[in-house]
Amino acid sequence: MIVKEGRVVRRRLGFGATLLAVLFACASLTPSLLPRTWLYQGVMGAVTGIIGYGAGAALGALGRAVIGYRPSGRARSIAWRLLVAGCAAVGTITLWYSYDWQRDLRALMGMDTHITWFPPVILAVALSLFTVLLVLARLVRLGGRKLIGWLDRFVPSYAGHAIGVIVIGLLVAVLANDVLFNGFVARVSDVSSVANKGTNPGVRPPVSRQLSGGPASLVSWESLGREGRSFAGSAVTPALLTAFSGRPAAEPIRVYVGLDAAATPEAQAELAVRELERTGAFERQIIAVLGTTGTGWVDEHIADSLEYMYNGRSAMVAVQYSYLPSWVSFLLDRGKAAAAGRALFEAVHARLAEVPPGDRPRLVLSGESLGTYELERAFSDLDDMVARTDGALFVGPPNADPIWRRLTEGREPGSPVWRPVYEGGRTARFAQRPSDLSRPPGPWLHPRVVYLQNASDPVVWWTPELIYRRPAWLEEPRAPGMNPQMNWFPLVTFWQVLVDMTAALSVPPGHGHRYNSDIVDGWAAVAAPPGWSADDTGRLRELISSS
């Protein structure tokens, strides 16, 4: 037992485990949705390789348990030589092609194709990190063997093995969750809390009474949080609105309630409605309830576009439910996001019902990323949404959005998942390009719901199902802008698209998670003001593109 325990860490690599590790690592070199750097690729290769090694080791153990045959020493030696030669050849070829794959992907997105790509360094990073991960895994296994050996002295062997596996599993789970993950989240929370107290460069407290944090506001400038201050302090000025429209403009209304301003979502919503009343929002032409991301961020293109379209005669309201980065909020704060969205919408909707129908402003929804999830959870389904609003514009919706999933899964036969047609497009439509909004050519009734989703947006397409199922968006025909060289690999594609999310904003508009001026067309379809023309949309697109 002692000899075997001593060789747990230093023993040779497994045949099947090595084969799958190399194949997984090579698969990680293939293109995914977005370009990546050589350092990212090295880390991806290591993590993907260790996943493959674990899968291969498990399959090998299962095979040995089921099949009693063992090859001779000579046969194993020959097999290993062939394996090493084959893996070296496949690895070299894949590394060689990886540069062209990344360059072609960047060309597809209109990016600079002169990139730094070091295959030998990628290999060195991947092998080094893989070795560290493998040693850690074997140390855990060594600890398990020692525990089982000690238990075997007191209980039957089968009981000792079962107890040992359970104890080690629990210890690993506790270490991963309570120590590593929770420690990481605590650190991120501390950093985010400090960042939330800061103010982005160039942002100043507003002097307008129509903006939260300004004179007579019911919420203080300090309580807005960093993103709330950016939202309230960057409203389009009447001078810019007048220059665009050629007509006297009104002072836009932006209401924002930060996480520190009230103790509960309901209290935040109640305070937001009071702010709307104070600013005269219920006398405007349109009120937009906006969803925020994890940090409380509101896409300025969503806000600015609507203000330009209505020449400042608009009101917007949003609340902050977290200050964590969106991906952390997605894991931990989805319940908070749903509660905040539901409370805010219900409060605004109830107050709006008190306004006489002839004087009632339009009520619309909009959000990006996790902000779409926040607002979707305020409704039971699409019919409920259009019955209680005057339209919605959702940008880059995550795969977890319940209504989005229902519409996508219920699409008409023959319509692709990247541009699904639901009930003839009478209410909801999906678009990657502005021209998509005219499809299908049948009637499009009001209220309207628009989903903007890029073919290369990992926020839209990432889901745990990528682990074991080929996604429909990789089937033919593929969406315009979708990488034609991308393939699906079990486990690997899940990890690739997850890593793509970290670079979703590092690509040109129209790709990844960047929508920019396409938002103008979305608003024009959902909530264009009287007299708004296609020429106006074109002029505003140019303005938003240059901002």
Protein backbone atom coordinates (compact mmCIF):
# COMPACT_ATOMS: atom_id res chain seq x y z
CA MET A 1 0.00 0.00 0.00
CA ILE A 2 2.81 2.43 0.88
CA VAL A 3 4.56 1.88 -2.46
CA LYS A 4 1.35 2.35 -4.36
CA GLU A 5 0.53 5.50 -2.41
CA GLY A 6 3.99 6.90 -3.09
CA ARG A 7 3.51 6.42 -6.82
CA VAL A 8 0.14 8.14 -7.00
CA VAL A 9 1.73 11.53 -7.69
CA ARG A 10 4.81 10.34 -9.63
CA ARG A 11 3.26 7.54 -11.65
CA ARG A 12 3.18 7.59 -15.44
CA LEU A 13 0.43 9.18 -17.44
CA GLY A 14 -2.52 7.00 -18.40
CA PHE A 15 -2.82 5.98 -22.04
CA GLY A 16 -6.48 6.86 -22.61
CA ALA A 17 -6.24 9.90 -20.35
CA THR A 18 -3.28 11.25 -22.31
CA LEU A 19 -5.03 10.68 -25.62
CA LEU A 20 -8.15 12.58 -24.56
CA ALA A 21 -6.09 15.34 -22.90
CA VAL A 22 -4.27 16.02 -26.15
CA LEU A 23 -7.42 15.83 -28.24
CA PHE A 24 -9.26 18.20 -25.89
CA ALA A 25 -6.34 20.63 -25.83
CA CYS A 26 -6.16 20.58 -29.63
CA ALA A 27 -9.90 21.12 -29.85
CA SER A 28 -9.51 24.22 -27.68
CA LEU A 29 -7.21 25.66 -30.35
CA THR A 30 -10.00 25.62 -32.91
CA PRO A 31 -11.90 28.90 -33.44
CA SER A 32 -14.94 29.79 -31.36
CA LEU A 33 -17.24 32.82 -31.41
CA LEU A 34 -14.61 35.51 -30.74
CA PRO A 35 -10.86 36.02 -31.20
CA ARG A 36 -8.57 35.44 -28.23
CA THR A 37 -4.97 36.20 -27.24
CA TRP A 38 -2.12 33.72 -27.11
CA LEU A 39 -2.06 33.86 -23.30
CA TYR A 40 -5.78 33.08 -23.08
CA GLN A 41 -5.17 30.22 -25.48
CA GLY A 42 -2.42 28.77 -23.30
CA VAL A 43 -4.68 28.80 -20.23
CA MET A 44 -7.58 27.39 -22.24
CA GLY A 45 -5.39 24.56 -23.51
CA ALA A 46 -4.34 23.62 -19.97
CA VAL A 47 -7.80 23.68 -18.44
CA THR A 48 -9.37 21.91 -21.40
CA GLY A 49 -6.58 19.36 -21.40
CA ILE A 50 -7.05 18.53 -17.71
CA ILE A 51 -10.78 18.11 -18.34
CA GLY A 52 -9.96 15.68 -21.12
CA TYR A 53 -7.43 13.86 -18.94
CA GLY A 54 -10.01 13.39 -16.21
CA ALA A 55 -12.59 12.11 -18.69
CA GLY A 56 -10.05 9.72 -20.22
CA ALA A 57 -8.93 8.43 -16.82
CA ALA A 58 -12.54 7.74 -15.84
CA LEU A 59 -13.27 5.92 -19.09
CA GLY A 60 -10.05 3.94 -18.75
CA ALA A 61 -10.92 2.84 -15.23
CA LEU A 62 -14.37 1.79 -16.40
CA GLY A 63 -12.90 -0.14 -19.31
CA ARG A 64 -10.45 -2.01 -17.10
CA ALA A 65 -13.26 -2.93 -14.74
CA VAL A 66 -15.40 -4.32 -17.56
CA ILE A 67 -12.77 -5.87 -19.83
CA GLY A 68 -10.38 -8.35 -18.31
CA TYR A 69 -7.93 -8.43 -21.22
CA ARG A 70 -4.57 -6.73 -20.74
CA PRO A 71 -2.14 -6.22 -23.64
CA SER A 72 1.42 -7.47 -23.38
CA GLY A 73 4.29 -5.24 -22.41
CA ARG A 74 5.55 -5.12 -26.00
CA ALA A 75 2.10 -4.17 -27.29
CA ARG A 76 1.82 -1.38 -24.72
CA SER A 77 5.26 -0.09 -25.67
CA ILE A 78 4.34 0.06 -29.35
CA ALA A 79 1.02 1.69 -28.56
CA TRP A 80 2.71 4.36 -26.48
CA ARG A 81 5.20 5.14 -29.25
CA LEU A 82 2.38 5.49 -31.75
CA LEU A 83 0.43 7.65 -29.29
CA VAL A 84 3.34 10.01 -28.65
CA ALA A 85 4.08 10.34 -32.36
CA GLY A 86 0.43 10.86 -33.25
CA CYS A 87 -0.17 13.40 -30.48
CA ALA A 88 2.97 15.31 -31.41
CA ALA A 89 1.87 15.45 -35.05
CA VAL A 90 -1.71 16.47 -34.26
CA GLY A 91 -0.57 19.04 -31.70
CA THR A 92 1.98 20.58 -34.09
CA ILE A 93 -0.49 20.78 -36.96
CA THR A 94 -3.22 22.27 -34.76
CA LEU A 95 -0.88 24.86 -33.28
CA TRP A 96 0.28 25.75 -36.78
CA TYR A 97 -3.27 26.27 -38.04
CA SER A 98 -4.41 28.11 -34.89
CA TYR A 99 -2.73 31.31 -36.04
CA ASP A 100 -4.65 31.30 -39.33
CA TRP A 101 -7.89 30.46 -37.52
CA GLN A 102 -7.53 33.45 -35.23
CA ARG A 103 -6.48 35.71 -38.07
CA ASP A 104 -9.45 34.63 -40.22
CA LEU A 105 -11.80 35.21 -37.29
CA ARG A 106 -10.46 38.72 -36.79
CA ALA A 107 -10.83 39.42 -40.52
CA LEU A 108 -14.45 38.27 -40.35
CA MET A 109 -15.06 40.96 -37.72
CA GLY A 110 -13.12 43.68 -39.47
CA MET A 111 -10.28 43.65 -36.93
CA ASP A 112 -6.53 44.01 -37.45
CA THR A 113 -5.17 40.65 -38.61
CA HIS A 114 -1.56 41.41 -37.66
CA ILE A 115 -1.54 39.70 -34.27
CA THR A 116 1.01 38.35 -31.83
CA TRP A 117 0.70 34.57 -31.66
CA PHE A 118 3.46 32.41 -30.14
CA PRO A 119 2.75 28.68 -30.63
CA PRO A 120 5.82 27.55 -28.61
CA VAL A 121 4.87 29.84 -25.72
CA ILE A 122 1.24 28.72 -25.91
CA LEU A 123 2.46 25.13 -25.63
CA ALA A 124 4.76 25.98 -22.71
CA VAL A 125 1.99 27.78 -20.80
CA ALA A 126 -0.46 24.97 -21.43
CA LEU A 127 1.98 22.23 -20.35
CA SER A 128 3.10 24.11 -17.25
CA LEU A 129 -0.40 24.85 -16.01
CA PHE A 130 -1.57 21.35 -16.96
CA THR A 131 1.21 19.86 -14.84
CA VAL A 132 0.25 21.98 -11.85
CA LEU A 133 -3.41 20.98 -12.16
CA LEU A 134 -2.53 17.30 -12.59
CA VAL A 135 -0.28 17.30 -9.52
CA LEU A 136 -3.04 18.92 -7.45
CA ALA A 137 -5.53 16.31 -8.64
CA ARG A 138 -3.13 13.48 -7.79
CA LEU A 139 -2.45 14.92 -4.35
CA VAL A 140 -6.18 14.78 -3.71
CA ARG A 141 -6.20 11.19 -4.89
CA LEU A 142 -3.24 10.37 -2.65
CA GLY A 143 -5.07 11.82 0.32
CA GLY A 144 -8.08 9.71 -0.56
CA ARG A 145 -6.01 6.53 -0.71
CA LYS A 146 -4.42 7.21 2.64
CA LEU A 147 -7.82 7.84 4.20
CA ILE A 148 -9.23 4.64 2.71
CA GLY A 149 -6.21 2.66 3.90
CA TRP A 150 -6.71 3.95 7.43
CA LEU A 151 -10.46 3.22 7.37
CA ASP A 152 -9.84 -0.32 6.13
CA ARG A 153 -8.26 -1.08 9.51
CA PHE A 154 -11.57 -0.51 11.30
CA VAL A 155 -14.37 -1.28 8.82
CA PRO A 156 -14.89 -3.68 5.90
CA SER A 157 -13.06 -2.74 2.72
CA TYR A 158 -16.17 -1.81 0.73
CA ALA A 159 -17.35 0.44 3.56
CA GLY A 160 -13.94 2.07 3.88
CA HIS A 161 -13.84 2.81 0.16
CA ALA A 162 -17.35 4.26 0.18
CA ILE A 163 -16.74 6.41 3.24
CA GLY A 164 -13.37 7.56 1.93
CA VAL A 165 -14.77 8.61 -1.44
CA ILE A 166 -17.64 10.49 0.22
CA VAL A 167 -15.34 12.27 2.70
CA ILE A 168 -12.84 13.30 0.03
CA GLY A 169 -15.66 14.43 -2.24
CA LEU A 170 -17.12 16.56 0.53
CA LEU A 171 -13.74 18.03 1.40
CA VAL A 172 -13.07 18.92 -2.24
CA ALA A 173 -16.55 20.43 -2.57
CA VAL A 174 -16.11 22.46 0.63
CA LEU A 175 -12.67 23.63 -0.48
CA ALA A 176 -13.88 24.56 -3.97
CA ASN A 177 -17.07 26.26 -2.84
CA ASP A 178 -16.58 27.61 0.67
CA VAL A 179 -12.88 28.42 0.45
CA LEU A 180 -11.94 29.08 -3.16
CA PHE A 181 -15.20 30.25 -4.75
CA ASN A 182 -16.62 32.09 -1.75
CA GLY A 183 -13.22 33.58 -1.02
CA PHE A 184 -12.98 34.74 -4.62
CA VAL A 185 -16.52 36.16 -4.51
CA ALA A 186 -15.75 37.91 -1.23
CA ARG A 187 -12.67 39.48 -2.78
CA VAL A 188 -14.61 40.51 -5.88
CA SER A 189 -17.34 41.91 -3.63
CA ASP A 190 -14.82 43.98 -1.68
CA VAL A 191 -13.27 45.35 -4.85
CA SER A 192 -16.68 46.02 -6.41
CA SER A 193 -17.90 47.75 -3.26
CA VAL A 194 -14.97 50.14 -3.38
CA ALA A 195 -15.47 50.68 -7.13
CA ASN A 196 -19.17 51.37 -6.56
CA LYS A 197 -18.23 54.30 -4.34
CA GLY A 198 -16.14 55.87 -7.07
CA THR A 199 -17.16 58.02 -10.00
CA ASN A 200 -16.20 57.53 -13.63
CA PRO A 201 -13.92 60.22 -15.10
CA GLY A 202 -15.74 63.25 -16.45
CA VAL A 203 -18.99 62.56 -14.59
CA ARG A 204 -20.28 65.49 -12.53
CA PRO A 205 -23.36 65.92 -10.30
CA PRO A 206 -26.27 67.16 -12.43
CA VAL A 207 -27.59 70.68 -12.09
CA SER A 208 -30.98 69.81 -13.56
CA ARG A 209 -33.93 69.05 -11.27
CA GLN A 210 -35.03 66.39 -13.77
CA LEU A 211 -32.12 64.11 -12.89
CA SER A 212 -31.62 61.95 -9.81
CA GLY A 213 -28.82 63.22 -7.62
CA GLY A 214 -29.48 66.78 -8.75
CA PRO A 215 -31.17 69.69 -6.95
CA ALA A 216 -34.26 68.66 -4.92
CA SER A 217 -33.68 64.99 -5.73
CA LEU A 218 -35.06 62.47 -3.23
CA VAL A 219 -31.91 60.37 -3.66
CA SER A 220 -28.45 61.68 -2.94
CA TRP A 221 -25.65 61.76 -5.49
CA GLU A 222 -23.54 59.55 -3.24
CA SER A 223 -26.23 56.83 -2.97
CA LEU A 224 -26.47 56.31 -6.73
CA GLY A 225 -23.34 54.21 -7.01
CA ARG A 226 -20.75 54.54 -9.74
CA GLU A 227 -22.96 53.40 -12.63
CA GLY A 228 -25.98 55.31 -11.32
CA ARG A 229 -23.92 58.49 -11.24
CA SER A 230 -22.83 57.86 -14.82
CA PHE A 231 -26.44 57.31 -15.89
CA ALA A 232 -27.82 60.38 -14.13
CA GLY A 233 -24.86 62.60 -14.96
CA SER A 234 -24.70 61.89 -18.69
CA ALA A 235 -28.19 62.70 -19.96
CA VAL A 236 -28.20 64.30 -23.40
CA THR A 237 -28.34 68.07 -23.02
CA PRO A 238 -31.19 70.13 -24.50
CA ALA A 239 -28.65 71.93 -26.68
CA LEU A 240 -27.56 68.68 -28.35
CA LEU A 241 -31.15 67.54 -28.71
CA THR A 242 -32.13 70.83 -30.34
CA ALA A 243 -29.17 70.64 -32.71
CA PHE A 244 -30.33 67.20 -33.84
CA SER A 245 -34.06 67.87 -34.13
CA GLY A 246 -34.04 71.53 -35.13
CA ARG A 247 -36.79 72.16 -32.56
CA PRO A 248 -36.70 73.39 -28.94
CA ALA A 249 -35.96 70.41 -26.73
CA ALA A 250 -37.04 69.48 -23.22
CA GLU A 251 -34.78 68.51 -20.34
CA PRO A 252 -34.68 64.67 -20.28
CA ILE A 253 -35.72 62.90 -17.09
CA ARG A 254 -33.50 60.17 -15.70
CA VAL A 255 -34.40 58.55 -12.39
CA TYR A 256 -32.06 56.12 -10.69
CA VAL A 257 -32.18 54.51 -7.24
CA GLY A 258 -28.94 52.99 -6.03
CA LEU A 259 -28.50 49.89 -3.90
CA ASP A 260 -27.76 51.97 -0.80
CA ALA A 261 -30.79 54.22 -1.08
CA ALA A 262 -33.36 51.71 0.26
CA ALA A 263 -33.34 48.39 2.08
CA THR A 264 -35.59 46.28 -0.18
CA PRO A 265 -36.55 46.12 -3.87
CA GLU A 266 -40.05 47.27 -2.96
CA ALA A 267 -38.67 50.26 -1.08
CA GLN A 268 -36.39 51.10 -4.01
CA ALA A 269 -39.34 50.91 -6.39
CA GLU A 270 -41.49 53.11 -4.18
CA LEU A 271 -38.70 55.68 -3.98
CA ALA A 272 -38.24 55.53 -7.76
CA VAL A 273 -41.92 56.27 -8.34
CA ARG A 274 -41.73 59.23 -5.97
CA GLU A 275 -38.75 60.51 -7.95
CA LEU A 276 -40.72 60.11 -11.18
CA GLU A 277 -43.55 62.11 -9.66
CA ARG A 278 -41.18 64.81 -8.45
CA THR A 279 -39.66 65.26 -11.90
CA GLY A 280 -43.00 65.31 -13.73
CA ALA A 281 -42.27 62.06 -15.56
CA PHE A 282 -45.95 61.08 -15.79
CA GLU A 283 -46.56 64.13 -17.95
CA ARG A 284 -43.99 63.08 -20.56
CA GLN A 285 -44.69 61.29 -23.85
CA ILE A 286 -42.96 58.09 -22.87
CA ILE A 287 -41.58 56.36 -19.76
CA ALA A 288 -38.94 53.67 -20.14
CA VAL A 289 -38.31 51.15 -17.38
CA LEU A 290 -34.70 50.09 -17.84
CA GLY A 291 -33.01 46.92 -16.63
CA THR A 292 -29.46 47.13 -15.30
CA THR A 293 -26.54 44.73 -15.37
CA GLY A 294 -24.83 43.40 -12.24
CA THR A 295 -22.90 46.58 -11.54
CA GLY A 296 -25.98 48.74 -12.12
CA TRP A 297 -24.85 49.76 -15.61
CA VAL A 298 -27.27 51.06 -18.23
CA ASP A 299 -26.11 51.05 -21.86
CA GLU A 300 -25.81 54.71 -22.84
CA HIS A 301 -26.90 53.86 -26.40
CA ILE A 302 -30.28 52.69 -25.09
CA ALA A 303 -30.80 55.86 -23.06
CA ASP A 304 -29.35 58.37 -25.52
CA SER A 305 -31.23 56.99 -28.53
CA LEU A 306 -34.61 57.31 -26.87
CA GLU A 307 -33.88 60.84 -25.66
CA TYR A 308 -32.88 61.93 -29.18
CA MET A 309 -35.98 60.31 -30.69
CA TYR A 310 -38.33 62.12 -28.30
CA ASN A 311 -36.35 65.38 -28.25
CA GLY A 312 -35.97 65.10 -24.47
CA ARG A 313 -39.69 64.55 -23.80
CA SER A 314 -38.96 61.20 -22.22
CA ALA A 315 -38.44 59.76 -18.78
CA MET A 316 -36.34 56.77 -17.77
CA VAL A 317 -36.11 54.88 -14.52
CA ALA A 318 -33.76 52.17 -13.28
CA VAL A 319 -32.68 50.63 -9.99
CA GLN A 320 -29.49 48.94 -8.85
CA TYR A 321 -29.76 45.48 -7.29
CA SER A 322 -26.04 44.65 -7.08
CA TYR A 323 -22.58 46.08 -7.58
CA LEU A 324 -20.93 42.78 -8.57
CA PRO A 325 -19.73 42.12 -12.12
CA SER A 326 -22.49 40.73 -14.31
CA TRP A 327 -21.13 37.19 -14.52
CA VAL A 328 -20.92 36.99 -10.72
CA SER A 329 -24.38 38.51 -10.42
CA PHE A 330 -25.64 35.96 -12.93
CA LEU A 331 -24.47 33.18 -10.62
CA LEU A 332 -25.46 34.74 -7.30
CA ASP A 333 -27.90 37.59 -7.78
CA ARG A 334 -30.39 36.42 -10.41
CA GLY A 335 -33.03 36.24 -7.72
CA LYS A 336 -32.25 39.82 -6.71
CA ALA A 337 -32.40 40.93 -10.33
CA ALA A 338 -35.81 39.32 -10.81
CA ALA A 339 -37.15 40.82 -7.58
CA ALA A 340 -35.88 44.30 -8.49
CA GLY A 341 -37.34 44.19 -12.00
CA ARG A 342 -40.69 42.92 -10.81
CA ALA A 343 -40.99 45.48 -8.00
CA LEU A 344 -40.00 48.41 -10.22
CA PHE A 345 -42.32 47.54 -13.07
CA GLU A 346 -45.29 46.84 -10.82
CA ALA A 347 -44.81 50.14 -8.98
CA VAL A 348 -44.52 52.21 -12.17
CA HIS A 349 -47.39 50.37 -13.84
CA ALA A 350 -49.66 50.90 -10.82
CA ARG A 351 -48.88 54.62 -10.66
CA LEU A 352 -49.37 54.99 -14.41
CA ALA A 353 -52.83 53.45 -14.11
CA GLU A 354 -53.85 56.49 -12.04
CA VAL A 355 -53.22 58.79 -15.00
CA PRO A 356 -56.27 59.36 -17.26
CA PRO A 357 -55.94 57.21 -20.40
CA GLY A 358 -55.87 60.21 -22.72
CA ASP A 359 -52.95 61.77 -20.82
CA ARG A 360 -51.06 58.57 -20.07
CA PRO A 361 -47.51 58.31 -21.45
CA ARG A 362 -46.37 55.21 -23.28
CA LEU A 363 -44.72 52.61 -21.07
CA VAL A 364 -41.82 50.68 -22.61
CA LEU A 365 -39.10 48.36 -21.39
CA SER A 366 -35.46 47.99 -22.32
CA GLY A 367 -32.35 46.34 -20.98
CA GLU A 368 -29.13 44.73 -22.01
CA SER A 369 -27.63 41.41 -20.94
CA LEU A 370 -28.68 40.63 -17.36
CA GLY A 371 -30.96 43.67 -17.54
CA THR A 372 -33.19 41.77 -19.97
CA TYR A 373 -33.47 38.91 -17.48
CA GLU A 374 -34.37 41.40 -14.76
CA LEU A 375 -37.32 42.73 -16.76
CA GLU A 376 -38.50 39.48 -18.34
CA ARG A 377 -39.01 37.96 -14.89
CA ALA A 378 -41.63 40.62 -14.17
CA PHE A 379 -44.01 38.82 -16.57
CA SER A 380 -45.41 35.33 -16.90
CA ASP A 381 -45.13 35.21 -20.70
CA LEU A 382 -45.11 37.28 -23.88
CA ASP A 383 -48.86 37.88 -23.79
CA ASP A 384 -48.61 39.24 -20.26
CA MET A 385 -45.81 41.58 -21.33
CA VAL A 386 -47.61 43.09 -24.33
CA ALA A 387 -50.86 43.36 -22.37
CA ARG A 388 -49.26 45.62 -19.77
CA THR A 389 -46.67 47.58 -21.78
CA ASP A 390 -46.41 49.51 -25.02
CA GLY A 391 -43.37 47.59 -26.24
CA ALA A 392 -39.95 46.28 -25.28
CA LEU A 393 -36.41 46.36 -26.66
CA PHE A 394 -34.09 43.66 -25.30
CA VAL A 395 -30.41 43.74 -26.23
CA GLY A 396 -28.07 40.75 -26.02
CA PRO A 397 -30.39 38.57 -23.91
CA PRO A 398 -28.69 35.77 -21.96
CA ASN A 399 -29.75 32.20 -22.69
CA ALA A 400 -31.42 31.99 -19.27
CA ASP A 401 -34.13 34.53 -20.15
CA PRO A 402 -37.39 32.58 -19.69
CA ILE A 403 -39.54 34.33 -22.31
CA TRP A 404 -36.69 34.44 -24.84
CA ARG A 405 -36.18 30.70 -24.45
CA ARG A 406 -39.89 30.00 -24.81
CA LEU A 407 -40.08 31.99 -28.04
CA THR A 408 -36.90 30.48 -29.44
CA GLU A 409 -37.90 26.92 -28.65
CA GLY A 410 -41.40 27.54 -30.02
CA ARG A 411 -40.18 29.03 -33.31
CA GLU A 412 -41.78 28.05 -36.57
CA PRO A 413 -40.25 25.05 -38.40
CA GLY A 414 -37.58 26.13 -40.83
CA SER A 415 -36.68 29.36 -39.04
CA PRO A 416 -33.12 29.33 -37.66
CA VAL A 417 -32.45 29.70 -33.96
CA TRP A 418 -30.42 32.85 -34.58
CA ARG A 419 -33.40 34.54 -36.25
CA PRO A 420 -36.46 32.63 -35.08
CA VAL A 421 -39.95 33.39 -36.32
CA TYR A 422 -42.57 33.11 -33.60
CA GLU A 423 -46.25 33.17 -34.54
CA GLY A 424 -45.52 34.86 -37.85
CA GLY A 425 -43.61 37.70 -36.18
CA ARG A 426 -46.89 39.39 -35.21
CA THR A 427 -45.55 40.53 -31.84
CA ALA A 428 -41.91 39.59 -31.24
CA ARG A 429 -39.04 39.71 -33.73
CA PHE A 430 -35.36 38.88 -33.52
CA ALA A 431 -32.63 40.80 -35.33
CA GLN A 432 -28.90 40.77 -35.84
CA ARG A 433 -29.04 43.47 -38.50
CA PRO A 434 -31.64 46.26 -38.89
CA SER A 435 -32.96 44.61 -42.07
CA ASP A 436 -33.95 41.57 -40.01
CA LEU A 437 -36.72 43.60 -38.40
CA SER A 438 -38.69 43.47 -41.67
CA ARG A 439 -38.79 39.65 -41.54
CA PRO A 440 -41.14 37.93 -41.93
CA PRO A 441 -43.01 40.27 -44.31
CA GLY A 442 -46.37 39.79 -42.59
CA PRO A 443 -48.12 42.24 -40.24
CA TRP A 444 -46.32 43.39 -37.12
CA LEU A 445 -48.79 44.61 -34.57
CA HIS A 446 -48.30 47.00 -31.66
CA PRO A 447 -47.14 46.62 -28.93
CA ARG A 448 -43.93 45.21 -30.37
CA VAL A 449 -41.07 43.30 -28.76
CA VAL A 450 -37.60 43.31 -30.32
CA TYR A 451 -34.64 41.12 -29.40
CA LEU A 452 -31.26 42.25 -30.75
CA GLN A 453 -28.80 39.35 -30.74
CA ASN A 454 -25.51 39.05 -32.58
CA ALA A 455 -24.50 35.71 -34.02
CA SER A 456 -21.15 35.97 -32.24
CA ASP A 457 -22.48 37.12 -28.85
CA PRO A 458 -21.45 34.52 -26.24
CA VAL A 459 -23.83 36.09 -23.70
CA VAL A 460 -26.73 34.98 -25.90
CA TRP A 461 -25.48 31.51 -26.76
CA TRP A 462 -23.66 30.25 -23.66
CA THR A 463 -25.53 27.59 -21.74
CA PRO A 464 -24.51 24.52 -19.67
CA GLU A 465 -26.15 22.41 -22.39
CA LEU A 466 -23.05 23.06 -24.54
CA ILE A 467 -21.32 20.43 -22.40
CA TYR A 468 -23.24 17.57 -23.97
CA ARG A 469 -25.33 18.90 -26.87
CA ARG A 470 -24.47 20.44 -30.22
CA PRO A 471 -26.22 23.84 -30.33
CA ALA A 472 -28.73 24.67 -33.04
CA TRP A 473 -26.84 27.87 -33.89
CA LEU A 474 -23.99 25.78 -35.29
CA GLU A 475 -26.28 24.01 -37.73
CA GLU A 476 -26.59 25.14 -41.33
CA PRO A 477 -27.45 27.71 -42.46
CA ARG A 478 -25.34 29.72 -40.07
CA ALA A 479 -26.01 33.34 -39.23
CA PRO A 480 -24.14 36.09 -41.12
CA GLY A 481 -20.94 36.80 -39.22
CA MET A 482 -20.87 33.36 -37.61
CA ASN A 483 -17.47 31.72 -37.89
CA PRO A 484 -17.84 29.01 -40.57
CA GLN A 485 -14.86 27.08 -39.13
CA MET A 486 -16.29 26.69 -35.64
CA ASN A 487 -17.30 23.18 -34.57
CA TRP A 488 -18.84 21.66 -31.48
CA PHE A 489 -16.83 19.42 -29.14
CA PRO A 490 -18.31 17.96 -25.94
CA LEU A 491 -17.14 19.90 -22.87
CA VAL A 492 -14.67 21.92 -24.96
CA THR A 493 -17.16 24.24 -26.67
CA PHE A 494 -18.79 24.96 -23.31
CA TRP A 495 -15.45 26.17 -21.99
CA GLN A 496 -14.57 28.08 -25.18
CA VAL A 497 -17.81 30.08 -25.23
CA LEU A 498 -17.54 30.73 -21.50
CA VAL A 499 -14.08 32.25 -22.05
CA ASP A 500 -15.44 34.20 -25.04
CA MET A 501 -17.68 36.08 -22.62
CA THR A 502 -14.62 37.80 -21.15
CA ALA A 503 -13.85 39.31 -24.58
CA ALA A 504 -17.44 40.05 -25.62
CA LEU A 505 -16.90 43.84 -25.58
CA SER A 506 -13.45 43.76 -27.19
CA VAL A 507 -14.70 43.51 -30.79
CA PRO A 508 -16.18 46.02 -33.25
CA PRO A 509 -19.89 46.97 -33.11
CA GLY A 510 -22.15 44.37 -34.67
CA HIS A 511 -20.12 41.52 -33.19
CA GLY A 512 -19.85 39.99 -29.76
CA HIS A 513 -21.86 41.88 -27.16
CA ARG A 514 -21.63 45.26 -28.91
CA TYR A 515 -24.84 46.58 -30.47
CA ASN A 516 -24.34 50.37 -30.52
CA SER A 517 -26.31 52.02 -33.36
CA ASP A 518 -28.46 48.94 -34.05
CA ILE A 519 -30.30 49.99 -30.89
CA VAL A 520 -31.63 53.01 -32.82
CA ASP A 521 -33.43 50.74 -35.28
CA GLY A 522 -34.75 48.67 -32.40
CA TRP A 523 -36.28 51.72 -30.73
CA ALA A 524 -37.64 52.98 -34.05
CA ALA A 525 -39.47 49.68 -34.52
CA VAL A 526 -40.81 49.53 -30.97
CA ALA A 527 -41.57 53.11 -29.95
CA ALA A 528 -41.02 55.65 -32.73
CA PRO A 529 -42.63 59.02 -31.88
CA PRO A 530 -45.23 60.56 -34.22
CA GLY A 531 -43.63 61.89 -37.39
CA TRP A 532 -40.44 59.88 -37.02
CA SER A 533 -39.07 58.80 -40.43
CA ALA A 534 -36.55 56.37 -41.84
CA ASP A 535 -34.30 59.36 -42.61
CA ASP A 536 -34.44 60.32 -38.93
CA THR A 537 -33.37 56.78 -38.01
CA GLY A 538 -30.45 57.01 -40.43
CA ARG A 539 -29.31 60.37 -39.05
CA LEU A 540 -29.53 59.11 -35.47
CA ARG A 541 -27.63 55.94 -36.37
CA GLU A 542 -24.77 58.09 -37.65
CA LEU A 543 -24.82 60.19 -34.51
CA ILE A 544 -24.86 57.21 -32.13
CA SER A 545 -22.15 55.44 -34.15
CA SER A 546 -19.83 58.40 -33.74
CA SER A 547 -20.43 58.79 -30.00
